[in-house]
C-alpha atoms as a PDB file:
ATOM      1  CA  MET A   1     -47.205   9.233  25.399  1.00  0.00           C
ATOM      2  CA  SER A   2     -45.114   6.060  25.612  1.00  0.00           C
ATOM      3  CA  PHE A   3     -41.773   5.349  23.934  1.00  0.00           C
ATOM      4  CA  THR A   4     -39.941   2.060  23.565  1.00  0.00           C
ATOM      5  CA  PHE A   5     -36.163   2.039  23.494  1.00  0.00           C
ATOM      6  CA  PRO A   6     -35.337  -0.271  20.566  1.00  0.00           C
ATOM      7  CA  GLU A   7     -31.597  -0.597  21.106  1.00  0.00           C
ATOM      8  CA  LYS A   8     -28.981  -1.082  23.761  1.00  0.00           C
ATOM      9  CA  PRO A   9     -28.012   2.271  25.346  1.00  0.00           C
ATOM     10  CA  MET A  10     -24.470   3.589  25.086  1.00  0.00           C
ATOM     11  CA  LEU A  11     -22.422   4.147  28.206  1.00  0.00           C
ATOM     12  CA  ILE A  12     -20.881   7.557  28.965  1.00  0.00           C
ATOM     13  CA  TYR A  13     -19.027   8.363  32.175  1.00  0.00           C
ATOM     14  CA  PRO A  14     -19.908  11.945  33.180  1.00  0.00           C
ATOM     15  CA  SER A  15     -16.541  12.490  34.893  1.00  0.00           C
ATOM     16  CA  LEU A  16     -14.713  11.412  31.718  1.00  0.00           C
ATOM     17  CA  ALA A  17     -17.039  13.511  29.541  1.00  0.00           C
ATOM     18  CA  ARG A  18     -16.179  16.594  31.648  1.00  0.00           C
ATOM     19  CA  GLN A  19     -12.480  16.014  31.005  1.00  0.00           C
ATOM     20  CA  ILE A  20     -12.356  15.071  27.284  1.00  0.00           C
ATOM     21  CA  GLY A  21     -15.829  15.918  25.958  1.00  0.00           C
ATOM     22  CA  VAL A  22     -19.020  13.968  25.353  1.00  0.00           C
ATOM     23  CA  GLU A  23     -18.222  12.586  21.912  1.00  0.00           C
ATOM     24  CA  PRO A  24     -14.688  11.328  22.736  1.00  0.00           C
ATOM     25  CA  ALA A  25     -16.003   9.771  25.953  1.00  0.00           C
ATOM     26  CA  LEU A  26     -18.779   8.011  24.010  1.00  0.00           C
ATOM     27  CA  LEU A  27     -16.404   6.694  21.329  1.00  0.00           C
ATOM     28  CA  LEU A  28     -13.880   5.545  23.949  1.00  0.00           C
ATOM     29  CA  GLY A  29     -16.638   3.529  25.604  1.00  0.00           C
ATOM     30  CA  LEU A  30     -17.537   1.938  22.250  1.00  0.00           C
ATOM     31  CA  TYR A  31     -13.885   0.993  21.675  1.00  0.00           C
ATOM     32  CA  HIS A  32     -13.734  -0.556  25.162  1.00  0.00           C
ATOM     33  CA  GLU A  33     -16.873  -2.621  24.507  1.00  0.00           C
ATOM     34  CA  ALA A  34     -15.539  -3.831  21.143  1.00  0.00           C
ATOM     35  CA  MET A  35     -12.224  -4.746  22.807  1.00  0.00           C
ATOM     36  CA  GLU A  36     -14.006  -6.814  25.448  1.00  0.00           C
ATOM     37  CA  ARG A  37     -16.212  -8.476  22.833  1.00  0.00           C
ATOM     38  CA  SER A  38     -13.708  -9.449  20.138  1.00  0.00           C
ATOM     39  CA  GLY A  39     -10.270  -8.291  21.252  1.00  0.00           C
ATOM     40  CA  MET A  40      -7.078 -10.371  21.371  1.00  0.00           C
ATOM     41  CA  THR A  41      -3.592 -10.121  22.814  1.00  0.00           C
ATOM     42  CA  ASP A  42      -0.424  -9.252  20.926  1.00  0.00           C
ATOM     43  CA  GLU A  43       3.030 -10.770  21.292  1.00  0.00           C
ATOM     44  CA  ARG A  44       3.669  -8.658  24.419  1.00  0.00           C
ATOM     45  CA  GLY A  45       0.414  -9.640  26.067  1.00  0.00           C
ATOM     46  CA  ARG A  46      -1.333  -6.319  25.432  1.00  0.00           C
ATOM     47  CA  ALA A  47      -4.963  -6.286  24.373  1.00  0.00           C
ATOM     48  CA  GLU A  48      -5.555  -5.220  20.811  1.00  0.00           C
ATOM     49  CA  LEU A  49      -8.505  -5.026  18.426  1.00  0.00           C
ATOM     50  CA  LEU A  50      -8.510  -5.626  14.670  1.00  0.00           C
ATOM     51  CA  LEU A  51     -11.369  -4.010  12.746  1.00  0.00           C
ATOM     52  CA  SER A  52     -12.163  -3.865   9.065  1.00  0.00           C
ATOM     53  CA  ARG A  53     -13.334  -0.588   7.576  1.00  0.00           C
ATOM     54  CA  SER A  54     -16.985  -1.681   7.596  1.00  0.00           C
ATOM     55  CA  GLN A  55     -16.774  -2.871  11.214  1.00  0.00           C
ATOM     56  CA  TRP A  56     -15.158   0.408  12.261  1.00  0.00           C
ATOM     57  CA  LEU A  57     -17.874   2.497  10.574  1.00  0.00           C
ATOM     58  CA  ALA A  58     -20.574   0.319  12.165  1.00  0.00           C
ATOM     59  CA  LEU A  59     -19.342   1.149  15.702  1.00  0.00           C
ATOM     60  CA  ALA A  60     -20.873   4.617  15.450  1.00  0.00           C
ATOM     61  CA  ASP A  61     -23.094   4.539  12.387  1.00  0.00           C
ATOM     62  CA  PHE A  62     -24.851   7.724  13.483  1.00  0.00           C
ATOM     63  CA  TRP A  63     -21.645   9.602  12.466  1.00  0.00           C
ATOM     64  CA  ASP A  64     -20.209   9.854   8.999  1.00  0.00           C
ATOM     65  CA  GLU A  65     -16.662   8.685   8.337  1.00  0.00           C
ATOM     66  CA  GLY A  66     -15.175  12.163   8.637  1.00  0.00           C
ATOM     67  CA  ARG A  67     -16.723  12.764  12.054  1.00  0.00           C
ATOM     68  CA  LEU A  68     -15.717   9.312  13.305  1.00  0.00           C
ATOM     69  CA  ARG A  69     -12.126   9.858  12.163  1.00  0.00           C
ATOM     70  CA  SER A  70     -12.007  13.313  13.759  1.00  0.00           C
ATOM     71  CA  VAL A  71     -13.175  12.023  17.165  1.00  0.00           C
ATOM     72  CA  THR A  72     -10.742   9.107  16.907  1.00  0.00           C
ATOM     73  CA  GLU A  73      -7.904  11.568  16.278  1.00  0.00           C
ATOM     74  CA  GLN A  74      -8.882  13.395  19.476  1.00  0.00           C
ATOM     75  CA  LEU A  75      -8.548  10.152  21.441  1.00  0.00           C
ATOM     76  CA  VAL A  76      -5.129   9.493  19.873  1.00  0.00           C
ATOM     77  CA  GLU A  77      -3.930  13.026  20.680  1.00  0.00           C
ATOM     78  CA  LEU A  78      -5.100  12.582  24.283  1.00  0.00           C
ATOM     79  CA  GLY A  79      -3.063   9.373  24.511  1.00  0.00           C
ATOM     80  CA  LEU A  80      -6.094   7.205  25.301  1.00  0.00           C
ATOM     81  CA  ILE A  81      -5.748   4.866  22.301  1.00  0.00           C
ATOM     82  CA  GLU A  82      -3.108   3.866  19.768  1.00  0.00           C
ATOM     83  CA  ILE A  83      -4.107   3.116  16.173  1.00  0.00           C
ATOM     84  CA  ALA A  84      -2.293   1.782  13.123  1.00  0.00           C
ATOM     85  CA  TRP A  85      -4.098   1.987   9.794  1.00  0.00           C
ATOM     86  CA  GLY A  86      -3.902  -0.554   6.977  1.00  0.00           C
ATOM     87  CA  GLY A  87      -4.014   0.052   3.251  1.00  0.00           C
ATOM     88  CA  ALA A  88      -7.592  -1.234   2.827  1.00  0.00           C
ATOM     89  CA  GLY A  89      -9.008   0.999   5.573  1.00  0.00           C
ATOM     90  CA  ASN A  90      -8.776  -1.614   8.310  1.00  0.00           C
ATOM     91  CA  LEU A  91      -7.151  -0.713  11.596  1.00  0.00           C
ATOM     92  CA  ARG A  92      -5.404  -2.145  14.638  1.00  0.00           C
ATOM     93  CA  LEU A  93      -6.360  -0.502  17.899  1.00  0.00           C
ATOM     94  CA  LYS A  94      -4.683  -0.715  21.279  1.00  0.00           C
ATOM     95  CA  LEU A  95      -5.815   0.947  24.455  1.00  0.00           C
ATOM     96  CA  ALA A  96      -3.281   3.159  26.153  1.00  0.00           C
ATOM     97  CA  ALA A  97      -1.538   1.920  29.273  1.00  0.00           C
ATOM     98  CA  ALA A  98      -3.203   2.569  32.587  1.00  0.00           C
ATOM     99  CA  GLU A  99      -0.571   5.167  33.510  1.00  0.00           C
ATOM    100  CA  GLN A 100      -1.523   7.251  30.457  1.00  0.00           C
ATOM    101  CA  THR A 101      -5.311   7.182  30.982  1.00  0.00           C
ATOM    102  CA  PRO A 102      -6.576  10.367  32.635  1.00  0.00           C
ATOM    103  CA  VAL A 103      -8.210   9.700  35.971  1.00  0.00           C
ATOM    104  CA  PRO A 104     -11.614  11.355  36.412  1.00  0.00           C
ATOM    105  CA  THR A 105     -11.673  13.930  39.138  1.00  0.00           C
ATOM    106  CA  ARG A 106     -13.935  13.074  42.053  1.00  0.00           C
ATOM    107  CA  ARG A 107     -15.126  15.165  44.883  1.00  0.00           C
ATOM    108  CA  PRO A 108     -13.755  14.019  48.226  1.00  0.00           C
ATOM    109  CA  GLU A 109     -16.352  12.232  50.291  1.00  0.00           C
ATOM    110  CA  PRO A 110     -16.602  12.985  53.944  1.00  0.00           C
ATOM    111  CA  ALA A 111     -14.846  10.413  56.100  1.00  0.00           C
ATOM    112  CA  PRO A 112     -17.114   8.324  58.298  1.00  0.00           C
ATOM    113  CA  PRO A 113     -16.901   9.054  61.995  1.00  0.00           C
ATOM    114  CA  ARG A 114     -14.209   7.053  63.749  1.00  0.00           C
ATOM    115  CA  GLU A 115     -15.270   4.802  66.531  1.00  0.00           C
ATOM    116  CA  ALA A 116     -13.275   4.892  69.687  1.00  0.00           C
ATOM    117  CA  GLY A 117     -10.762   2.098  70.014  1.00  0.00           C
ATOM    118  CA  VAL A 118     -11.199   0.884  66.404  1.00  0.00           C
ATOM    119  CA  ARG A 119      -8.219   1.079  64.038  1.00  0.00           C
ATOM    120  CA  HIS A 120      -9.119   1.786  60.410  1.00  0.00           C
ATOM    121  CA  ILE A 121      -6.894   0.369  57.678  1.00  0.00           C
ATOM    122  CA  PRO A 122      -6.788   2.454  54.467  1.00  0.00           C
ATOM    123  CA  VAL A 123      -8.028   0.715  51.331  1.00  0.00           C
ATOM    124  CA  VAL A 124      -5.858   1.218  48.224  1.00  0.00           C
ATOM    125  CA  ASP A 125      -5.904  -0.232  44.700  1.00  0.00           C
ATOM    126  CA  GLU A 126      -2.339  -1.543  44.888  1.00  0.00           C
ATOM    127  CA  PRO A 127      -0.154  -2.410  47.859  1.00  0.00           C
ATOM    128  CA  PRO A 128       2.506   0.219  48.563  1.00  0.00           C
ATOM    129  CA  ALA A 129       5.908  -0.696  47.166  1.00  0.00           C
ATOM    130  CA  GLN A 130       8.773  -0.836  49.633  1.00  0.00           C
ATOM    131  CA  GLY A 131      12.530  -1.053  49.353  1.00  0.00           C
ATOM    132  CA  PRO A 132      14.767  -0.391  46.346  1.00  0.00           C
ATOM    133  CA  ARG A 133      12.316  -2.100  43.980  1.00  0.00           C
ATOM    134  CA  ALA A 134       9.863   0.760  44.444  1.00  0.00           C
ATOM    135  CA  SER A 135      12.345   3.362  43.255  1.00  0.00           C
ATOM    136  CA  ALA A 136      13.440   1.274  40.253  1.00  0.00           C
ATOM    137  CA  ARG A 137       9.912   0.374  39.165  1.00  0.00           C
ATOM    138  CA  GLN A 138       8.905   3.670  37.592  1.00  0.00           C
ATOM    139  CA  PRO A 139      12.073   4.154  35.480  1.00  0.00           C
ATOM    140  CA  ASN A 140      11.727   0.615  34.121  1.00  0.00           C
ATOM    141  CA  LEU A 141       8.154   1.293  32.995  1.00  0.00           C
ATOM    142  CA  ALA A 142       9.221   4.554  31.394  1.00  0.00           C
ATOM    143  CA  ARG A 143      11.952   2.797  29.461  1.00  0.00           C
ATOM    144  CA  GLN A 144       9.560   0.107  28.228  1.00  0.00           C
ATOM    145  CA  LYS A 145       7.030   2.582  26.905  1.00  0.00           C
ATOM    146  CA  GLY A 146       7.912   4.202  23.618  1.00  0.00           C
ATOM    147  CA  PRO A 147       6.317   7.138  21.877  1.00  0.00           C
ATOM    148  CA  ALA A 148       2.785   6.563  20.705  1.00  0.00           C
ATOM    149  CA  PRO A 149       2.497   6.293  16.916  1.00  0.00           C
ATOM    150  CA  THR A 150       1.017   9.246  15.130  1.00  0.00           C
ATOM    151  CA  PHE A 151      -2.492   8.867  13.761  1.00  0.00           C
ATOM    152  CA  GLY A 152      -2.354   7.565  10.224  1.00  0.00           C
ATOM    153  CA  GLY A 153       1.431   8.096  10.054  1.00  0.00           C
ATOM    154  CA  SER A 154       4.145   5.753   8.867  1.00  0.00           C
ATOM    155  CA  ILE A 155       5.818   5.198  12.260  1.00  0.00           C
ATOM    156  CA  GLY A 156       3.030   3.103  13.771  1.00  0.00           C
ATOM    157  CA  TRP A 157       3.096  -0.602  14.401  1.00  0.00           C
ATOM    158  CA  ARG A 158       4.308  -2.747  11.571  1.00  0.00           C
ATOM    159  CA  ARG A 159       1.259  -4.414  10.103  1.00  0.00           C
ATOM    160  CA  HIS A 160       1.876  -8.038   9.222  1.00  0.00           C
ATOM    161  CA  LYS A 161       0.145  -9.166   6.038  1.00  0.00           C
ATOM    162  CA  ASP A 162      -1.984 -12.268   6.232  1.00  0.00           C
ATOM    163  CA  GLU A 163      -1.925 -15.015   3.611  1.00  0.00           C
ATOM    164  CA  LEU A 164      -4.973 -13.713   1.734  1.00  0.00           C
ATOM    165  CA  GLU A 165      -3.540 -10.213   1.403  1.00  0.00           C
ATOM    166  CA  GLU A 166      -0.250 -11.635   0.060  1.00  0.00           C
ATOM    167  CA  ILE A 167      -2.192 -13.615  -2.569  1.00  0.00           C
ATOM    168  CA  PHE A 168      -4.087 -10.473  -3.622  1.00  0.00           C
ATOM    169  CA  GLU A 169      -0.843  -8.501  -3.805  1.00  0.00           C
ATOM    170  CA  GLN A 170       0.846 -11.158  -5.962  1.00  0.00           C
ATOM    171  CA  ALA A 171      -2.183 -11.251  -8.279  1.00  0.00           C
ATOM    172  CA  GLU A 172      -2.086  -7.454  -8.559  1.00  0.00           C
ATOM    173  CA  GLN A 173       1.598  -7.581  -9.494  1.00  0.00           C
ATOM    174  CA  ARG A 174       0.849 -10.162 -12.191  1.00  0.00           C
ATOM    175  CA  ASN A 175      -2.017  -8.035 -13.515  1.00  0.00           C
ATOM    176  CA  GLN A 176       0.317  -5.071 -13.859  1.00  0.00           C
ATOM    177  CA  LYS A 177       2.583  -7.178 -16.109  1.00  0.00           C
ATOM    178  CA  LEU A 178      -0.255  -8.327 -18.384  1.00  0.00           C
ATOM    179  CA  GLN A 179      -0.356  -6.814 -21.865  1.00  0.00           C
ATOM    180  CA  ALA A 180      -3.293  -6.671 -24.260  1.00  0.00           C
ATOM    181  CA  MET A 181      -2.961  -7.503 -27.957  1.00  0.00           C
ATOM    182  CA  TYR A 182      -2.671  -4.495 -30.278  1.00  0.00           C
ATOM    183  CA  ILE A 183      -2.429  -3.728 -33.995  1.00  0.00           C
ATOM    184  CA  GLY A 184       1.147  -3.930 -35.158  1.00  0.00           C
ATOM    185  CA  TRP A 185       2.305  -6.499 -32.612  1.00  0.00           C
ATOM    186  CA  GLN A 186       5.474  -8.350 -33.605  1.00  0.00           C
ATOM    187  CA  PRO A 187       7.223 -11.311 -31.941  1.00  0.00           C
ATOM    188  CA  SER A 188      10.520 -10.677 -30.199  1.00  0.00           C
ATOM    189  CA  ASP A 189      13.973 -11.762 -31.327  1.00  0.00           C
ATOM    190  CA  LEU A 190      13.855 -14.650 -28.861  1.00  0.00           C
ATOM    191  CA  PHE A 191      10.907 -16.114 -30.753  1.00  0.00           C
ATOM    192  CA  HIS A 192      12.859 -16.177 -34.015  1.00  0.00           C
ATOM    193  CA  GLN A 193      15.767 -17.864 -32.218  1.00  0.00           C
ATOM    194  CA  LEU A 194      13.463 -20.672 -31.115  1.00  0.00           C
ATOM    195  CA  LEU A 195      12.003 -21.391 -34.564  1.00  0.00           C
ATOM    196  CA  PRO A 196      14.956 -23.475 -35.895  1.00  0.00           C
ATOM    197  CA  ARG A 197      14.470 -25.949 -33.032  1.00  0.00           C
ATOM    198  CA  TYR A 198      11.097 -26.896 -34.511  1.00  0.00           C
ATOM    199  CA  ALA A 199      12.270 -26.783 -38.178  1.00  0.00           C
ATOM    200  CA  ILE A 200       9.746 -24.049 -38.981  1.00  0.00           C
ATOM    201  CA  PRO A 201      10.706 -21.492 -41.642  1.00  0.00           C
ATOM    202  CA  ALA A 202      10.673 -17.859 -40.560  1.00  0.00           C
ATOM    203  CA  ASP A 203       8.618 -16.891 -43.630  1.00  0.00           C
ATOM    204  CA  PHE A 204       5.854 -19.261 -42.593  1.00  0.00           C
ATOM    205  CA  ALA A 205       5.788 -17.799 -39.050  1.00  0.00           C
ATOM    206  CA  ASP A 206       5.648 -14.240 -40.386  1.00  0.00           C
ATOM    207  CA  GLY A 207       2.669 -15.211 -42.519  1.00  0.00           C
ATOM    208  CA  CYS A 208       0.749 -16.237 -39.387  1.00  0.00           C
ATOM    209  CA  ILE A 209       1.120 -12.908 -37.555  1.00  0.00           C
ATOM    210  CA  ASP A 210      -1.881 -11.091 -39.064  1.00  0.00           C
ATOM    211  CA  GLU A 211      -4.319 -13.923 -38.408  1.00  0.00           C
ATOM    212  CA  PHE A 212      -2.981 -14.335 -34.850  1.00  0.00           C
ATOM    213  CA  VAL A 213      -3.322 -10.620 -34.040  1.00  0.00           C
ATOM    214  CA  LEU A 214      -6.853 -10.354 -35.449  1.00  0.00           C
ATOM    215  CA  TYR A 215      -7.978 -13.440 -33.563  1.00  0.00           C
ATOM    216  CA  PHE A 216      -6.833 -12.213 -30.138  1.00  0.00           C
ATOM    217  CA  LEU A 217      -7.921  -8.619 -30.702  1.00  0.00           C
ATOM    218  CA  ASP A 218     -11.470  -9.936 -30.769  1.00  0.00           C
ATOM    219  CA  LYS A 219     -10.921 -12.052 -27.611  1.00  0.00           C
ATOM    220  CA  ASP A 220      -9.909  -9.089 -25.389  1.00  0.00           C
ATOM    221  CA  ARG A 221      -7.322 -11.152 -23.531  1.00  0.00           C
ATOM    222  CA  LYS A 222      -4.103 -10.177 -21.748  1.00  0.00           C
ATOM    223  CA  GLU A 223      -0.887 -12.158 -21.492  1.00  0.00           C
ATOM    224  CA  THR A 224       2.447 -11.638 -19.792  1.00  0.00           C
ATOM    225  CA  ASN A 225       4.296 -13.033 -22.848  1.00  0.00           C
ATOM    226  CA  TRP A 226       2.569 -13.204 -26.230  1.00  0.00           C
ATOM    227  CA  ASP A 227       5.584 -14.977 -27.766  1.00  0.00           C
ATOM    228  CA  GLN A 228       4.642 -18.239 -26.062  1.00  0.00           C
ATOM    229  CA  LYS A 229       1.082 -17.980 -27.328  1.00  0.00           C
ATOM    230  CA  PHE A 230       2.268 -17.201 -30.860  1.00  0.00           C
ATOM    231  CA  LEU A 231       4.783 -20.074 -30.845  1.00  0.00           C
ATOM    232  CA  ALA A 232       2.033 -22.545 -29.973  1.00  0.00           C
ATOM    233  CA  TRP A 233      -0.114 -21.019 -32.752  1.00  0.00           C
ATOM    234  CA  VAL A 234       2.676 -21.348 -35.353  1.00  0.00           C
ATOM    235  CA  LYS A 235       3.481 -24.938 -34.354  1.00  0.00           C
ATOM    236  CA  ARG A 236      -0.177 -25.900 -34.723  1.00  0.00           C
ATOM    237  CA  GLU A 237      -0.473 -24.211 -38.137  1.00  0.00           C
ATOM    238  CA  TRP A 238       2.775 -25.825 -39.290  1.00  0.00           C
ATOM    239  CA  VAL A 239       1.444 -29.297 -38.415  1.00  0.00           C
ATOM    240  CA  LYS A 240      -1.745 -28.519 -40.355  1.00  0.00           C
ATOM    241  CA  LYS A 241       0.286 -27.437 -43.375  1.00  0.00           C
ATOM    242  CA  GLN A 242       2.474 -30.556 -43.287  1.00  0.00           C
ATOM    243  CA  THR A 243      -0.595 -32.777 -43.075  1.00  0.00           C
ATOM    244  CA  GLN A 244      -2.305 -31.011 -45.977  1.00  0.00           C
ATOM    245  CA  ASP A 245       0.849 -31.175 -48.126  1.00  0.00           C
ATOM    246  CA  ALA A 246       1.122 -34.919 -47.481  1.00  0.00           C
ATOM    247  CA  ARG A 247      -2.504 -35.403 -48.525  1.00  0.00           C
ATOM    248  CA  ASP A 248      -2.020 -33.382 -51.720  1.00  0.00           C
ATOM    249  CA  GLN A 249       1.109 -35.344 -52.624  1.00  0.00           C
ATOM    250  CA  ARG A 250      -0.611 -38.675 -52.056  1.00  0.00           C
ATOM    251  CA  TYR A 251      -3.584 -37.590 -54.175  1.00  0.00           C
ATOM    252  CA  GLN A 252      -1.291 -36.496 -57.002  1.00  0.00           C
ATOM    253  CA  GLN A 253       0.522 -39.818 -56.930  1.00  0.00           C
ATOM    254  CA  GLU A 254      -2.760 -41.710 -57.094  1.00  0.00           C
ATOM    255  CA  ARG A 255      -3.850 -39.669 -60.101  1.00  0.00           C
ATOM    256  CA  GLU A 256      -0.579 -40.287 -61.909  1.00  0.00           C
ATOM    257  CA  SER A 257      -0.668 -44.036 -61.249  1.00  0.00           C
ATOM    258  CA  GLY A 258      -4.288 -44.151 -62.396  1.00  0.00           C
ATOM    259  CA  SER A 259      -3.453 -42.443 -65.699  1.00  0.00           C
ATOM    260  CA  THR A 260      -0.623 -44.935 -66.430  1.00  0.00           C
ATOM    261  CA  GLY A 261      -2.856 -47.928 -65.728  1.00  0.00           C
ATOM    262  CA  ALA A 262      -5.580 -46.603 -68.003  1.00  0.00           C
ATOM    263  CA  ALA A 263      -3.079 -46.177 -70.864  1.00  0.00           C
ATOM    264  CA  LYS A 264      -1.902 -49.764 -70.453  1.00  0.00           C
ATOM    265  CA  ASP A 265      -5.485 -51.062 -70.518  1.00  0.00           C
ATOM    266  CA  GLU A 266      -6.196 -49.099 -73.676  1.00  0.00           C
ATOM    267  CA  ASN A 267      -3.142 -50.580 -75.447  1.00  0.00           C
ATOM    268  CA  SER A 268      -4.098 -54.141 -74.472  1.00  0.00           C
ATOM    269  CA  ARG A 269      -7.637 -53.619 -75.764  1.00  0.00           C
ATOM    270  CA  SER A 270      -6.272 -52.324 -79.088  1.00  0.00           C
ATOM    271  CA  ASP A 271      -4.056 -55.411 -79.451  1.00  0.00           C
ATOM    272  CA  SER A 272      -7.016 -57.707 -78.790  1.00  0.00           C
ATOM    273  CA  ARG A 273      -9.106 -56.022 -81.454  1.00  0.00           C
ATOM    274  CA  GLU A 274      -6.348 -56.310 -84.015  1.00  0.00           C
ATOM    275  CA  LYS A 275      -5.883 -60.017 -83.243  1.00  0.00           C
ATOM    276  CA  ARG A 276      -9.600 -60.708 -83.656  1.00  0.00           C
ATOM    277  CA  LYS A 277      -9.616 -58.926 -86.989  1.00  0.00           C
ATOM    278  CA  ARG A 278      -6.747 -61.096 -88.311  1.00  0.00           C
ATOM    279  CA  ILE A 279      -8.461 -64.307 -87.172  1.00  0.00           C
ATOM    280  CA  THR A 280     -11.749 -63.290 -88.795  1.00  0.00           C
ATOM    281  CA  ALA A 281     -10.039 -62.390 -92.024  1.00  0.00           C
ATOM    282  CA  ALA A 282      -8.242 -65.782 -92.106  1.00  0.00           C
ATOM    283  CA  LEU A 283     -11.486 -67.698 -91.592  1.00  0.00           C
ATOM    284  CA  MET A 284     -13.225 -65.821 -94.324  1.00  0.00           C
ATOM    285  CA  ASP A 285     -10.414 -66.633 -96.829  1.00  0.00           C
ATOM    286  CA  ILE A 286     -11.388 -70.146 -97.927  1.00  0.00           C
ATOM    287  CA  LYS A 287      -8.467 -70.445-100.285  1.00  0.00           C
ATOM    288  CA  ASN A 288      -5.992 -70.026 -97.462  1.00  0.00           C
ATOM    289  CA  THR A 289      -5.146 -73.506 -96.122  1.00  0.00           C
ATOM    290  CA  ASP A 290      -2.527 -72.445 -93.671  1.00  0.00           C
ATOM    291  CA  TRP A 291      -4.873 -72.703 -90.780  1.00  0.00           C
END
């Protein structure tokens, strides 16, 4: 029977697993790999990792969110990592300082046999500190390190908002101020104070309220200030009314002038008929020599 490994294996240090457990050791290795792959440095030069909620869940997708959070809490309690959570589920992760990381216990290896006449120099990770600087070094480091923030608490690192998050927050604040149109809406006192500037009677504006409310109830819109919308509506309707009144007045004047002209034409035609009758009668009277 053959089996093909389809994915990259995960690294677990047995010595670390004996100290903190298999699952915390596995998750700590995943955090280290993610830090090396896409980590950055903060203002103090420490390595940090920013992960969105989906990226964090994808680190160990074989666990559910509750299990992943529980194992992460174990790492925070052990002082191996420091985490600050954001409002949207994203997180900022920092690895603990080297002094706080537990060192895996190792079995002492037998020393190689010494050769005669050969001086062996011990190999150490750091050169031994000498002089007064060595005694002052440890207290300085202790003063620089503060208490690790609690997991998910409010005393963690201050999370700076990026530009996109500020835009979303401002839009959310505007949305909270928006109001939908409702039956029985009435303009404020400020609206009535503005009407005299446009020479619009208050009675005319009050007559536009019902039509305005019914129109925007059907539109399902929200506004921060409906007075501005209603003022524009009233001004537009007032212009329409003034235009229609001017047309009606002009039409009435044309009708009146047309009636007067027709009466004058009728009188002139009557005079012409009477004149023709007199001339005809004079011609027919042969005894009349006046003509």
